[in-house]
Amino acid sequence: MAAKLDYHWHLRKVMADRGMFSTTDLIPPLEER
């Protein structure tokens, strides 16, 4: 049986760990870059 590669995306969790609870909190820092 061959292994199928997949992944989990943890952006929401990492944002919450950094105190960012709204998705729009990312817009200004992204625009700065």
PDB file of all heavy atoms in Angstrom:
ATOM      1  N   MET A   1       0.840  -1.181   0.000  1.00  0.00           N
ATOM      2  CA  MET A   1       0.000   0.000   0.000  1.00  0.00           C
ATOM      3  C   MET A   1       0.886   1.245   0.000  1.00  0.00           C
ATOM      4  O   MET A   1       1.737   1.415   0.857  1.00  0.00           O
ATOM      5  CB  MET A   1      -0.897  -0.016   1.241  1.00  0.00           C
ATOM      6  CG  MET A   1      -2.265   0.502   0.972  1.00  0.00           C
ATOM      7  SD  MET A   1      -3.261   0.608   2.451  1.00  0.00           S
ATOM      8  CE  MET A   1      -3.979  -0.995   2.482  1.00  0.00           C
ATOM      9  N   ALA A   2       0.689   2.111  -0.965  1.00  0.00           N
ATOM     10  CA  ALA A   2       1.473   3.342  -1.057  1.00  0.00           C
ATOM     11  C   ALA A   2       0.862   4.401  -0.148  1.00  0.00           C
ATOM     12  O   ALA A   2      -0.349   4.482  -0.007  1.00  0.00           O
ATOM     13  CB  ALA A   2       1.502   3.833  -2.495  1.00  0.00           C
ATOM     14  N   ALA A   3       1.724   5.205   0.455  1.00  0.00           N
ATOM     15  CA  ALA A   3       1.244   6.282   1.317  1.00  0.00           C
ATOM     16  C   ALA A   3       0.839   7.471   0.457  1.00  0.00           C
ATOM     17  O   ALA A   3       1.528   7.830  -0.486  1.00  0.00           O
ATOM     18  CB  ALA A   3       2.321   6.694   2.300  1.00  0.00           C
ATOM     19  N   LYS A   4      -0.292   8.061   0.784  1.00  0.00           N
ATOM     20  CA  LYS A   4      -0.754   9.249   0.092  1.00  0.00           C
ATOM     21  C   LYS A   4      -0.366  10.439   0.960  1.00  0.00           C
ATOM     22  O   LYS A   4      -0.658  10.466   2.155  1.00  0.00           O
ATOM     23  CB  LYS A   4      -2.270   9.189  -0.085  1.00  0.00           C
ATOM     24  CG  LYS A   4      -2.839  10.376  -0.795  1.00  0.00           C
ATOM     25  CD  LYS A   4      -4.347  10.248  -0.920  1.00  0.00           C
ATOM     26  CE  LYS A   4      -4.895  11.530  -1.491  1.00  0.00           C
ATOM     27  NZ  LYS A   4      -6.346  11.568  -1.429  1.00  0.00           N
ATOM     28  N   LEU A   5       0.294  11.415   0.377  1.00  0.00           N
ATOM     29  CA  LEU A   5       0.745  12.565   1.138  1.00  0.00           C
ATOM     30  C   LEU A   5      -0.383  13.567   1.305  1.00  0.00           C
ATOM     31  O   LEU A   5      -1.135  13.834   0.381  1.00  0.00           O
ATOM     32  CB  LEU A   5       1.934  13.219   0.448  1.00  0.00           C
ATOM     33  CG  LEU A   5       3.161  12.339   0.306  1.00  0.00           C
ATOM     34  CD1 LEU A   5       4.246  13.080  -0.453  1.00  0.00           C
ATOM     35  CD2 LEU A   5       3.671  11.893   1.645  1.00  0.00           C
ATOM     36  N   ASP A   6      -0.486  14.115   2.493  1.00  0.00           N
ATOM     37  CA  ASP A   6      -1.508  15.103   2.800  1.00  0.00           C
ATOM     38  C   ASP A   6      -0.939  16.038   3.858  1.00  0.00           C
ATOM     39  O   ASP A   6       0.199  15.855   4.301  1.00  0.00           O
ATOM     40  CB  ASP A   6      -2.769  14.404   3.302  1.00  0.00           C
ATOM     41  CG  ASP A   6      -4.030  15.217   3.037  1.00  0.00           C
ATOM     42  OD1 ASP A   6      -3.916  16.347   2.509  1.00  0.00           O
ATOM     43  OD2 ASP A   6      -5.126  14.738   3.356  1.00  0.00           O
ATOM     44  N   TYR A   7      -1.710  17.022   4.280  1.00  0.00           N
ATOM     45  CA  TYR A   7      -1.212  17.956   5.286  1.00  0.00           C
ATOM     46  C   TYR A   7      -2.362  18.586   6.047  1.00  0.00           C
ATOM     47  O   TYR A   7      -3.497  18.593   5.597  1.00  0.00           O
ATOM     48  CB  TYR A   7      -0.362  19.059   4.639  1.00  0.00           C
ATOM     49  CG  TYR A   7      -1.127  19.945   3.688  1.00  0.00           C
ATOM     50  CD1 TYR A   7      -1.666  21.151   4.109  1.00  0.00           C
ATOM     51  CD2 TYR A   7      -1.328  19.571   2.368  1.00  0.00           C
ATOM     52  CE1 TYR A   7      -2.379  21.963   3.241  1.00  0.00           C
ATOM     53  CE2 TYR A   7      -2.035  20.367   1.497  1.00  0.00           C
ATOM     54  CZ  TYR A   7      -2.559  21.560   1.939  1.00  0.00           C
ATOM     55  OH  TYR A   7      -3.275  22.357   1.086  1.00  0.00           O
ATOM     56  N   HIS A   8      -2.034  19.071   7.247  1.00  0.00           N
ATOM     57  CA  HIS A   8      -2.963  19.859   8.047  1.00  0.00           C
ATOM     58  C   HIS A   8      -2.468  21.301   8.027  1.00  0.00           C
ATOM     59  O   HIS A   8      -1.267  21.559   8.134  1.00  0.00           O
ATOM     60  CB  HIS A   8      -3.020  19.363   9.494  1.00  0.00           C
ATOM     61  CG  HIS A   8      -3.672  18.035   9.648  1.00  0.00           C
ATOM     62  ND1 HIS A   8      -5.003  17.817   9.377  1.00  0.00           N
ATOM     63  CD2 HIS A   8      -3.185  16.844  10.059  1.00  0.00           C
ATOM     64  CE1 HIS A   8      -5.298  16.562   9.612  1.00  0.00           C
ATOM     65  NE2 HIS A   8      -4.201  15.949  10.020  1.00  0.00           N
ATOM     66  N   TRP A   9      -3.391  22.243   7.906  1.00  0.00           N
ATOM     67  CA  TRP A   9      -3.088  23.666   7.841  1.00  0.00           C
ATOM     68  C   TRP A   9      -3.469  24.276   9.186  1.00  0.00           C
ATOM     69  O   TRP A   9      -4.627  24.250   9.573  1.00  0.00           O
ATOM     70  CB  TRP A   9      -3.873  24.284   6.687  1.00  0.00           C
ATOM     71  CG  TRP A   9      -3.707  25.739   6.446  1.00  0.00           C
ATOM     72  CD1 TRP A   9      -4.676  26.697   6.546  1.00  0.00           C
ATOM     73  CD2 TRP A   9      -2.530  26.427   6.020  1.00  0.00           C
ATOM     74  NE1 TRP A   9      -4.168  27.924   6.208  1.00  0.00           N
ATOM     75  CE2 TRP A   9      -2.847  27.789   5.878  1.00  0.00           C
ATOM     76  CE3 TRP A   9      -1.231  26.015   5.748  1.00  0.00           C
ATOM     77  CZ2 TRP A   9      -1.934  28.743   5.485  1.00  0.00           C
ATOM     78  CZ3 TRP A   9      -0.310  26.968   5.353  1.00  0.00           C
ATOM     79  CH2 TRP A   9      -0.658  28.314   5.221  1.00  0.00           C
ATOM     80  N   HIS A  10      -2.493  24.836   9.917  1.00  0.00           N
ATOM     81  CA  HIS A  10      -2.708  25.317  11.279  1.00  0.00           C
ATOM     82  C   HIS A  10      -2.661  26.835  11.410  1.00  0.00           C
ATOM     83  O   HIS A  10      -2.355  27.348  12.482  1.00  0.00           O
ATOM     84  CB  HIS A  10      -1.649  24.710  12.211  1.00  0.00           C
ATOM     85  CG  HIS A  10      -1.719  23.225  12.325  1.00  0.00           C
ATOM     86  ND1 HIS A  10      -2.767  22.563  12.915  1.00  0.00           N
ATOM     87  CD2 HIS A  10      -0.871  22.258  11.888  1.00  0.00           C
ATOM     88  CE1 HIS A  10      -2.556  21.267  12.861  1.00  0.00           C
ATOM     89  NE2 HIS A  10      -1.415  21.049  12.239  1.00  0.00           N
ATOM     90  N   LEU A  11      -2.983  27.582  10.360  1.00  0.00           N
ATOM     91  CA  LEU A  11      -2.887  29.039  10.418  1.00  0.00           C
ATOM     92  C   LEU A  11      -3.816  29.611  11.484  1.00  0.00           C
ATOM     93  O   LEU A  11      -3.425  30.489  12.257  1.00  0.00           O
ATOM     94  CB  LEU A  11      -3.191  29.658   9.054  1.00  0.00           C
ATOM     95  CG  LEU A  11      -3.151  31.182   8.989  1.00  0.00           C
ATOM     96  CD1 LEU A  11      -1.796  31.722   9.440  1.00  0.00           C
ATOM     97  CD2 LEU A  11      -3.474  31.665   7.582  1.00  0.00           C
ATOM     98  N   ARG A  12      -5.035  29.114  11.556  1.00  0.00           N
ATOM     99  CA  ARG A  12      -5.993  29.640  12.539  1.00  0.00           C
ATOM    100  C   ARG A  12      -5.478  29.449  13.965  1.00  0.00           C
ATOM    101  O   ARG A  12      -5.552  30.344  14.798  1.00  0.00           O
ATOM    102  CB  ARG A  12      -7.338  28.938  12.371  1.00  0.00           C
ATOM    103  CG  ARG A  12      -8.381  29.398  13.385  1.00  0.00           C
ATOM    104  CD  ARG A  12      -9.650  28.628  13.217  1.00  0.00           C
ATOM    105  NE  ARG A  12     -10.456  29.286  12.204  1.00  0.00           N
ATOM    106  CZ  ARG A  12     -11.673  28.913  11.864  1.00  0.00           C
ATOM    107  NH1 ARG A  12     -12.213  27.868  12.427  1.00  0.00           N
ATOM    108  NH2 ARG A  12     -12.338  29.560  10.946  1.00  0.00           N
ATOM    109  N   LYS A  13      -4.920  28.276  14.261  1.00  0.00           N
ATOM    110  CA  LYS A  13      -4.400  27.985  15.600  1.00  0.00           C
ATOM    111  C   LYS A  13      -3.206  28.877  15.925  1.00  0.00           C
ATOM    112  O   LYS A  13      -3.112  29.431  17.025  1.00  0.00           O
ATOM    113  CB  LYS A  13      -4.011  26.519  15.706  1.00  0.00           C
ATOM    114  CG  LYS A  13      -3.454  26.132  17.059  1.00  0.00           C
ATOM    115  CD  LYS A  13      -2.905  24.719  17.017  1.00  0.00           C
ATOM    116  CE  LYS A  13      -2.278  24.309  18.313  1.00  0.00           C
ATOM    117  NZ  LYS A  13      -1.238  25.176  18.781  1.00  0.00           N
ATOM    118  N   VAL A  14      -2.292  29.036  14.968  1.00  0.00           N
ATOM    119  CA  VAL A  14      -1.109  29.866  15.193  1.00  0.00           C
ATOM    120  C   VAL A  14      -1.522  31.320  15.413  1.00  0.00           C
ATOM    121  O   VAL A  14      -0.968  32.008  16.281  1.00  0.00           O
ATOM    122  CB  VAL A  14      -0.106  29.726  14.026  1.00  0.00           C
ATOM    123  CG1 VAL A  14       1.040  30.700  14.157  1.00  0.00           C
ATOM    124  CG2 VAL A  14       0.415  28.299  13.942  1.00  0.00           C
ATOM    125  N   MET A  15      -2.487  31.790  14.643  1.00  0.00           N
ATOM    126  CA  MET A  15      -2.983  33.155  14.842  1.00  0.00           C
ATOM    127  C   MET A  15      -3.572  33.317  16.242  1.00  0.00           C
ATOM    128  O   MET A  15      -3.295  34.310  16.920  1.00  0.00           O
ATOM    129  CB  MET A  15      -4.051  33.500  13.797  1.00  0.00           C
ATOM    130  CG  MET A  15      -3.519  33.796  12.423  1.00  0.00           C
ATOM    131  SD  MET A  15      -4.840  34.133  11.248  1.00  0.00           S
ATOM    132  CE  MET A  15      -5.588  35.597  11.939  1.00  0.00           C
ATOM    133  N   ALA A  16      -4.362  32.342  16.695  1.00  0.00           N
ATOM    134  CA  ALA A  16      -4.964  32.419  18.025  1.00  0.00           C
ATOM    135  C   ALA A  16      -3.894  32.414  19.110  1.00  0.00           C
ATOM    136  O   ALA A  16      -4.003  33.137  20.108  1.00  0.00           O
ATOM    137  CB  ALA A  16      -5.936  31.267  18.234  1.00  0.00           C
ATOM    138  N   ASP A  17      -2.839  31.635  18.919  1.00  0.00           N
ATOM    139  CA  ASP A  17      -1.738  31.607  19.881  1.00  0.00           C
ATOM    140  C   ASP A  17      -1.045  32.964  19.980  1.00  0.00           C
ATOM    141  O   ASP A  17      -0.462  33.294  21.010  1.00  0.00           O
ATOM    142  CB  ASP A  17      -0.704  30.544  19.497  1.00  0.00           C
ATOM    143  CG  ASP A  17      -1.238  29.126  19.662  1.00  0.00           C
ATOM    144  OD1 ASP A  17      -2.280  28.943  20.343  1.00  0.00           O
ATOM    145  OD2 ASP A  17      -0.619  28.200  19.102  1.00  0.00           O
ATOM    146  N   ARG A  18      -1.119  33.756  18.899  1.00  0.00           N
ATOM    147  CA  ARG A  18      -0.485  35.075  18.876  1.00  0.00           C
ATOM    148  C   ARG A  18      -1.468  36.199  19.222  1.00  0.00           C
ATOM    149  O   ARG A  18      -1.151  37.366  19.109  1.00  0.00           O
ATOM    150  CB  ARG A  18       0.113  35.373  17.487  1.00  0.00           C
ATOM    151  CG  ARG A  18       1.046  34.324  16.908  1.00  0.00           C
ATOM    152  CD  ARG A  18       2.319  34.150  17.724  1.00  0.00           C
ATOM    153  NE  ARG A  18       3.314  33.334  17.062  1.00  0.00           N
ATOM    154  CZ  ARG A  18       3.383  32.002  17.128  1.00  0.00           C
ATOM    155  NH1 ARG A  18       2.482  31.328  17.790  1.00  0.00           N
ATOM    156  NH2 ARG A  18       4.347  31.351  16.518  1.00  0.00           N
ATOM    157  N   GLY A  19      -2.694  35.839  19.618  1.00  0.00           N
ATOM    158  CA  GLY A  19      -3.686  36.838  20.007  1.00  0.00           C
ATOM    159  C   GLY A  19      -4.425  37.464  18.843  1.00  0.00           C
ATOM    160  O   GLY A  19      -5.061  38.503  18.994  1.00  0.00           O
ATOM    161  N   MET A  20      -4.368  36.845  17.680  1.00  0.00           N
ATOM    162  CA  MET A  20      -5.084  37.346  16.500  1.00  0.00           C
ATOM    163  C   MET A  20      -6.325  36.469  16.311  1.00  0.00           C
ATOM    164  O   MET A  20      -6.213  35.340  15.852  1.00  0.00           O
ATOM    165  CB  MET A  20      -4.189  37.293  15.261  1.00  0.00           C
ATOM    166  CG  MET A  20      -2.921  38.103  15.387  1.00  0.00           C
ATOM    167  SD  MET A  20      -1.819  37.852  13.987  1.00  0.00           S
ATOM    168  CE  MET A  20      -2.497  39.009  12.830  1.00  0.00           C
ATOM    169  N   PHE A  21      -7.488  36.993  16.672  1.00  0.00           N
ATOM    170  CA  PHE A  21      -8.701  36.193  16.632  1.00  0.00           C
ATOM    171  C   PHE A  21      -9.621  36.557  15.473  1.00  0.00           C
ATOM    172  O   PHE A  21     -10.624  35.905  15.263  1.00  0.00           O
ATOM    173  CB  PHE A  21      -9.446  36.321  17.965  1.00  0.00           C
ATOM    174  CG  PHE A  21      -8.637  35.801  19.117  1.00  0.00           C
ATOM    175  CD1 PHE A  21      -8.023  36.675  19.996  1.00  0.00           C
ATOM    176  CD2 PHE A  21      -8.458  34.448  19.301  1.00  0.00           C
ATOM    177  CE1 PHE A  21      -7.265  36.196  21.044  1.00  0.00           C
ATOM    178  CE2 PHE A  21      -7.703  33.964  20.348  1.00  0.00           C
ATOM    179  CZ  PHE A  21      -7.099  34.842  21.222  1.00  0.00           C
ATOM    180  N   SER A  22      -9.305  37.579  14.719  1.00  0.00           N
ATOM    181  CA  SER A  22     -10.092  37.974  13.563  1.00  0.00           C
ATOM    182  C   SER A  22      -9.246  37.773  12.311  1.00  0.00           C
ATOM    183  O   SER A  22      -8.060  38.110  12.296  1.00  0.00           O
ATOM    184  CB  SER A  22     -10.503  39.443  13.691  1.00  0.00           C
ATOM    185  OG  SER A  22     -11.192  39.855  12.539  1.00  0.00           O
ATOM    186  N   THR A  23      -9.861  37.247  11.278  1.00  0.00           N
ATOM    187  CA  THR A  23      -9.104  37.006  10.051  1.00  0.00           C
ATOM    188  C   THR A  23      -8.589  38.309   9.442  1.00  0.00           C
ATOM    189  O   THR A  23      -7.526  38.327   8.831  1.00  0.00           O
ATOM    190  CB  THR A  23      -9.962  36.259   9.012  1.00  0.00           C
ATOM    191  OG1 THR A  23     -11.128  37.017   8.734  1.00  0.00           O
ATOM    192  CG2 THR A  23     -10.344  34.885   9.524  1.00  0.00           C
ATOM    193  N   THR A  24      -9.330  39.398   9.665  1.00  0.00           N
ATOM    194  CA  THR A  24      -8.906  40.681   9.081  1.00  0.00           C
ATOM    195  C   THR A  24      -7.711  41.282   9.809  1.00  0.00           C
ATOM    196  O   THR A  24      -7.136  42.261   9.326  1.00  0.00           O
ATOM    197  CB  THR A  24     -10.073  41.689   9.096  1.00  0.00           C
ATOM    198  OG1 THR A  24     -10.567  41.812  10.437  1.00  0.00           O
ATOM    199  CG2 THR A  24     -11.194  41.234   8.176  1.00  0.00           C
ATOM    200  N   ASP A  25      -7.310  40.685  10.942  1.00  0.00           N
ATOM    201  CA  ASP A  25      -6.098  41.146  11.634  1.00  0.00           C
ATOM    202  C   ASP A  25      -4.856  40.949  10.773  1.00  0.00           C
ATOM    203  O   ASP A  25      -3.826  41.584  11.007  1.00  0.00           O
ATOM    204  CB  ASP A  25      -5.908  40.401  12.958  1.00  0.00           C
ATOM    205  CG  ASP A  25      -6.946  40.773  13.999  1.00  0.00           C
ATOM    206  OD1 ASP A  25      -7.625  41.808  13.819  1.00  0.00           O
ATOM    207  OD2 ASP A  25      -7.080  40.034  14.998  1.00  0.00           O
ATOM    208  N   LEU A  26      -4.933  40.075   9.781  1.00  0.00           N
ATOM    209  CA  LEU A  26      -3.782  39.811   8.914  1.00  0.00           C
ATOM    210  C   LEU A  26      -3.628  40.838   7.791  1.00  0.00           C
ATOM    211  O   LEU A  26      -2.554  40.953   7.212  1.00  0.00           O
ATOM    212  CB  LEU A  26      -3.895  38.425   8.283  1.00  0.00           C
ATOM    213  CG  LEU A  26      -3.455  37.236   9.128  1.00  0.00           C
ATOM    214  CD1 LEU A  26      -3.686  35.948   8.367  1.00  0.00           C
ATOM    215  CD2 LEU A  26      -2.014  37.362   9.537  1.00  0.00           C
ATOM    216  N   ILE A  27      -4.691  41.556   7.462  1.00  0.00           N
ATOM    217  CA  ILE A  27      -4.643  42.450   6.297  1.00  0.00           C
ATOM    218  C   ILE A  27      -3.580  43.540   6.431  1.00  0.00           C
ATOM    219  O   ILE A  27      -2.747  43.677   5.530  1.00  0.00           O
ATOM    220  CB  ILE A  27      -6.045  43.030   5.993  1.00  0.00           C
ATOM    221  CG1 ILE A  27      -6.979  41.894   5.556  1.00  0.00           C
ATOM    222  CG2 ILE A  27      -5.976  44.104   4.918  1.00  0.00           C
ATOM    223  CD1 ILE A  27      -8.419  42.310   5.355  1.00  0.00           C
ATOM    224  N   PRO A  28      -3.530  44.330   7.516  1.00  0.00           N
ATOM    225  CA  PRO A  28      -2.496  45.380   7.611  1.00  0.00           C
ATOM    226  C   PRO A  28      -1.060  44.846   7.595  1.00  0.00           C
ATOM    227  O   PRO A  28      -0.221  45.374   6.848  1.00  0.00           O
ATOM    228  CB  PRO A  28      -2.819  46.096   8.934  1.00  0.00           C
ATOM    229  CG  PRO A  28      -4.260  45.824   9.179  1.00  0.00           C
ATOM    230  CD  PRO A  28      -4.515  44.462   8.614  1.00  0.00           C
ATOM    231  N   PRO A  29      -0.726  43.780   8.354  1.00  0.00           N
ATOM    232  CA  PRO A  29       0.660  43.287   8.282  1.00  0.00           C
ATOM    233  C   PRO A  29       1.032  42.742   6.902  1.00  0.00           C
ATOM    234  O   PRO A  29       2.188  42.867   6.476  1.00  0.00           O
ATOM    235  CB  PRO A  29       0.732  42.187   9.339  1.00  0.00           C
ATOM    236  CG  PRO A  29      -0.530  42.201  10.088  1.00  0.00           C
ATOM    237  CD  PRO A  29      -1.475  43.100   9.398  1.00  0.00           C
ATOM    238  N   LEU A  30       0.050  42.145   6.207  1.00  0.00           N
ATOM    239  CA  LEU A  30       0.343  41.672   4.847  1.00  0.00           C
ATOM    240  C   LEU A  30       0.597  42.854   3.917  1.00  0.00           C
ATOM    241  O   LEU A  30       1.511  42.803   3.076  1.00  0.00           O
ATOM    242  CB  LEU A  30      -0.812  40.813   4.311  1.00  0.00           C
ATOM    243  CG  LEU A  30      -0.919  39.390   4.858  1.00  0.00           C
ATOM    244  CD1 LEU A  30      -2.231  38.751   4.435  1.00  0.00           C
ATOM    245  CD2 LEU A  30       0.263  38.548   4.417  1.00  0.00           C
ATOM    246  N   GLU A  31      -0.189  43.934   4.058  1.00  0.00           N
ATOM    247  CA  GLU A  31       0.003  45.112   3.212  1.00  0.00           C
ATOM    248  C   GLU A  31       1.346  45.783   3.492  1.00  0.00           C
ATOM    249  O   GLU A  31       1.969  46.328   2.585  1.00  0.00           O
ATOM    250  CB  GLU A  31      -1.156  46.090   3.400  1.00  0.00           C
ATOM    251  CG  GLU A  31      -2.425  45.613   2.723  1.00  0.00           C
ATOM    252  CD  GLU A  31      -3.604  46.551   2.905  1.00  0.00           C
ATOM    253  OE1 GLU A  31      -3.532  47.483   3.752  1.00  0.00           O
ATOM    254  OE2 GLU A  31      -4.608  46.350   2.196  1.00  0.00           O
ATOM    255  N   GLU A  32       1.810  45.738   4.737  1.00  0.00           N
ATOM    256  CA  GLU A  32       3.137  46.276   5.070  1.00  0.00           C
ATOM    257  C   GLU A  32       4.231  45.532   4.323  1.00  0.00           C
ATOM    258  O   GLU A  32       5.300  46.087   4.065  1.00  0.00           O
ATOM    259  CB  GLU A  32       3.399  46.162   6.579  1.00  0.00           C
ATOM    260  CG  GLU A  32       2.578  47.096   7.428  1.00  0.00           C
ATOM    261  CD  GLU A  32       2.758  46.807   8.913  1.00  0.00           C
ATOM    262  OE1 GLU A  32       3.643  45.997   9.289  1.00  0.00           O
ATOM    263  OE2 GLU A  32       2.003  47.394   9.711  1.00  0.00           O
ATOM    264  N   ARG A  33       3.969  44.295   3.980  1.00  0.00           N
ATOM    265  CA  ARG A  33       4.950  43.471   3.266  1.00  0.00           C
ATOM    266  C   ARG A  33       4.680  43.429   1.763  1.00  0.00           C
ATOM    267  O   ARG A  33       5.216  42.603   1.050  1.00  0.00           O
ATOM    268  CB  ARG A  33       4.953  42.078   3.870  1.00  0.00           C
ATOM    269  CG  ARG A  33       5.604  42.082   5.252  1.00  0.00           C
ATOM    270  CD  ARG A  33       5.176  40.892   6.081  1.00  0.00           C
ATOM    271  NE  ARG A  33       5.805  40.905   7.380  1.00  0.00           N
ATOM    272  CZ  ARG A  33       5.356  41.599   8.429  1.00  0.00           C
ATOM    273  NH1 ARG A  33       4.258  42.325   8.319  1.00  0.00           N
ATOM    274  NH2 ARG A  33       5.989  41.556   9.586  1.00  0.00           N
TER     275      ARG A  33
END
